[in-house]
Amino acid sequence: MEEKIRNSDLKFTKDVSTNLQHFIKSLLTVDVSNRLGTKGVEEIQAHPWLKKVNFDKVHNKVYKPPFIPQIQDQFDTN
């Protein structure tokens, strides 16, 4: 399975936008020097897929998450 993960091309369903596909592929680029984010978090934040995200609001925890899992303790992985 690891071999498949490392050597297979990513395949996306039709409902995944071109911008999102590019964003994911850019984060998973094998060559670290070409990977999105190697020049800093600003490079990631500037990606077109994230253009509607207000990072000041993210930083200030203004956005409400759509789901908050119930956990038993810090080691709970359920």
C-alpha atoms as a PDB file:
ATOM      1  CA  MET A   1       0.000   0.000   0.000  1.00  0.00           C
ATOM      2  CA  GLU A   2       2.812   2.422   0.827  1.00  0.00           C
ATOM      3  CA  GLU A   3       4.214   1.797  -2.661  1.00  0.00           C
ATOM      4  CA  LYS A   4       0.876   2.792  -4.216  1.00  0.00           C
ATOM      5  CA  ILE A   5       0.661   5.938  -2.097  1.00  0.00           C
ATOM      6  CA  ARG A   6       4.159   7.028  -3.021  1.00  0.00           C
ATOM      7  CA  ASN A   7       4.029   6.205  -6.729  1.00  0.00           C
ATOM      8  CA  SER A   8       0.422   6.610  -7.878  1.00  0.00           C
ATOM      9  CA  ASP A   9      -1.071   9.749  -9.359  1.00  0.00           C
ATOM     10  CA  LEU A  10      -3.740  11.456  -7.319  1.00  0.00           C
ATOM     11  CA  LYS A  11      -7.227  10.973  -8.679  1.00  0.00           C
ATOM     12  CA  PHE A  12     -10.047  13.329  -7.794  1.00  0.00           C
ATOM     13  CA  THR A  13     -13.766  13.051  -8.219  1.00  0.00           C
ATOM     14  CA  LYS A  14     -15.474  15.527 -10.543  1.00  0.00           C
ATOM     15  CA  ASP A  15     -16.838  17.565  -7.642  1.00  0.00           C
ATOM     16  CA  VAL A  16     -13.319  18.605  -6.529  1.00  0.00           C
ATOM     17  CA  SER A  17     -12.532  21.992  -8.069  1.00  0.00           C
ATOM     18  CA  THR A  18      -9.417  22.621 -10.124  1.00  0.00           C
ATOM     19  CA  ASN A  19      -8.202  25.099  -7.475  1.00  0.00           C
ATOM     20  CA  LEU A  20      -8.579  22.513  -4.711  1.00  0.00           C
ATOM     21  CA  GLN A  21      -6.816  19.867  -6.802  1.00  0.00           C
ATOM     22  CA  HIS A  22      -3.920  22.264  -7.386  1.00  0.00           C
ATOM     23  CA  PHE A  23      -3.814  23.171  -3.673  1.00  0.00           C
ATOM     24  CA  ILE A  24      -3.642  19.524  -2.563  1.00  0.00           C
ATOM     25  CA  LYS A  25      -1.079  18.555  -5.204  1.00  0.00           C
ATOM     26  CA  SER A  26       1.042  21.578  -4.287  1.00  0.00           C
ATOM     27  CA  LEU A  27       1.077  20.557  -0.617  1.00  0.00           C
ATOM     28  CA  LEU A  28       2.047  16.983  -1.541  1.00  0.00           C
ATOM     29  CA  THR A  29       4.817  17.827  -4.023  1.00  0.00           C
ATOM     30  CA  VAL A  30       7.690  15.393  -3.457  1.00  0.00           C
ATOM     31  CA  ASP A  31      10.421  17.940  -4.238  1.00  0.00           C
ATOM     32  CA  VAL A  32      10.494  20.016  -1.061  1.00  0.00           C
ATOM     33  CA  SER A  33      11.964  23.032  -2.846  1.00  0.00           C
ATOM     34  CA  ASN A  34       8.824  23.195  -5.024  1.00  0.00           C
ATOM     35  CA  ARG A  35       6.291  22.328  -2.305  1.00  0.00           C
ATOM     36  CA  LEU A  36       3.662  24.915  -1.378  1.00  0.00           C
ATOM     37  CA  GLY A  37       4.563  26.476   1.949  1.00  0.00           C
ATOM     38  CA  THR A  38       8.339  26.150   1.772  1.00  0.00           C
ATOM     39  CA  LYS A  39       8.522  29.943   1.481  1.00  0.00           C
ATOM     40  CA  GLY A  40       6.312  30.432   4.523  1.00  0.00           C
ATOM     41  CA  VAL A  41       2.711  30.210   5.608  1.00  0.00           C
ATOM     42  CA  GLU A  42       1.891  33.320   3.573  1.00  0.00           C
ATOM     43  CA  GLU A  43       2.499  31.276   0.433  1.00  0.00           C
ATOM     44  CA  ILE A  44      -0.195  28.819   1.525  1.00  0.00           C
ATOM     45  CA  GLN A  45      -2.587  31.581   2.574  1.00  0.00           C
ATOM     46  CA  ALA A  46      -2.180  33.267  -0.836  1.00  0.00           C
ATOM     47  CA  HIS A  47      -3.327  30.187  -2.772  1.00  0.00           C
ATOM     48  CA  PRO A  48      -6.485  30.908  -4.830  1.00  0.00           C
ATOM     49  CA  TRP A  49      -8.420  28.097  -3.124  1.00  0.00           C
ATOM     50  CA  LEU A  50      -8.130  29.975   0.186  1.00  0.00           C
ATOM     51  CA  LYS A  51      -8.949  33.441  -1.190  1.00  0.00           C
ATOM     52  CA  LYS A  52     -12.240  33.699   0.740  1.00  0.00           C
ATOM     53  CA  VAL A  53     -10.673  32.786   4.094  1.00  0.00           C
ATOM     54  CA  ASN A  54     -10.103  35.683   6.459  1.00  0.00           C
ATOM     55  CA  PHE A  55      -6.983  34.565   8.329  1.00  0.00           C
ATOM     56  CA  ASP A  56      -7.352  37.274  10.970  1.00  0.00           C
ATOM     57  CA  LYS A  57     -10.680  35.673  11.896  1.00  0.00           C
ATOM     58  CA  VAL A  58      -9.055  32.222  11.888  1.00  0.00           C
ATOM     59  CA  HIS A  59      -6.285  33.465  14.172  1.00  0.00           C
ATOM     60  CA  ASN A  60      -8.800  35.094  16.518  1.00  0.00           C
ATOM     61  CA  LYS A  61     -10.982  31.954  16.527  1.00  0.00           C
ATOM     62  CA  VAL A  62     -14.007  33.831  15.175  1.00  0.00           C
ATOM     63  CA  TYR A  63     -15.116  30.982  12.902  1.00  0.00           C
ATOM     64  CA  LYS A  64     -17.208  28.245  14.479  1.00  0.00           C
ATOM     65  CA  PRO A  65     -16.199  24.705  13.455  1.00  0.00           C
ATOM     66  CA  PRO A  66     -18.960  22.707  11.750  1.00  0.00           C
ATOM     67  CA  PHE A  67     -18.217  19.720  14.015  1.00  0.00           C
ATOM     68  CA  ILE A  68     -16.540  19.375  17.402  1.00  0.00           C
ATOM     69  CA  PRO A  69     -15.725  15.771  18.305  1.00  0.00           C
ATOM     70  CA  GLN A  70     -16.413  14.532  21.802  1.00  0.00           C
ATOM     71  CA  ILE A  71     -13.196  13.128  23.246  1.00  0.00           C
ATOM     72  CA  GLN A  72     -12.473  11.323  26.490  1.00  0.00           C
ATOM     73  CA  ASP A  73      -8.905  12.583  26.943  1.00  0.00           C
ATOM     74  CA  GLN A  74      -5.877  13.817  24.970  1.00  0.00           C
ATOM     75  CA  PHE A  75      -5.131  10.268  23.778  1.00  0.00           C
ATOM     76  CA  ASP A  76      -8.636   9.526  22.445  1.00  0.00           C
ATOM     77  CA  THR A  77      -8.462   8.687  18.717  1.00  0.00           C
ATOM     78  CA  ASN A  78     -12.039   7.484  18.210  1.00  0.00           C
END
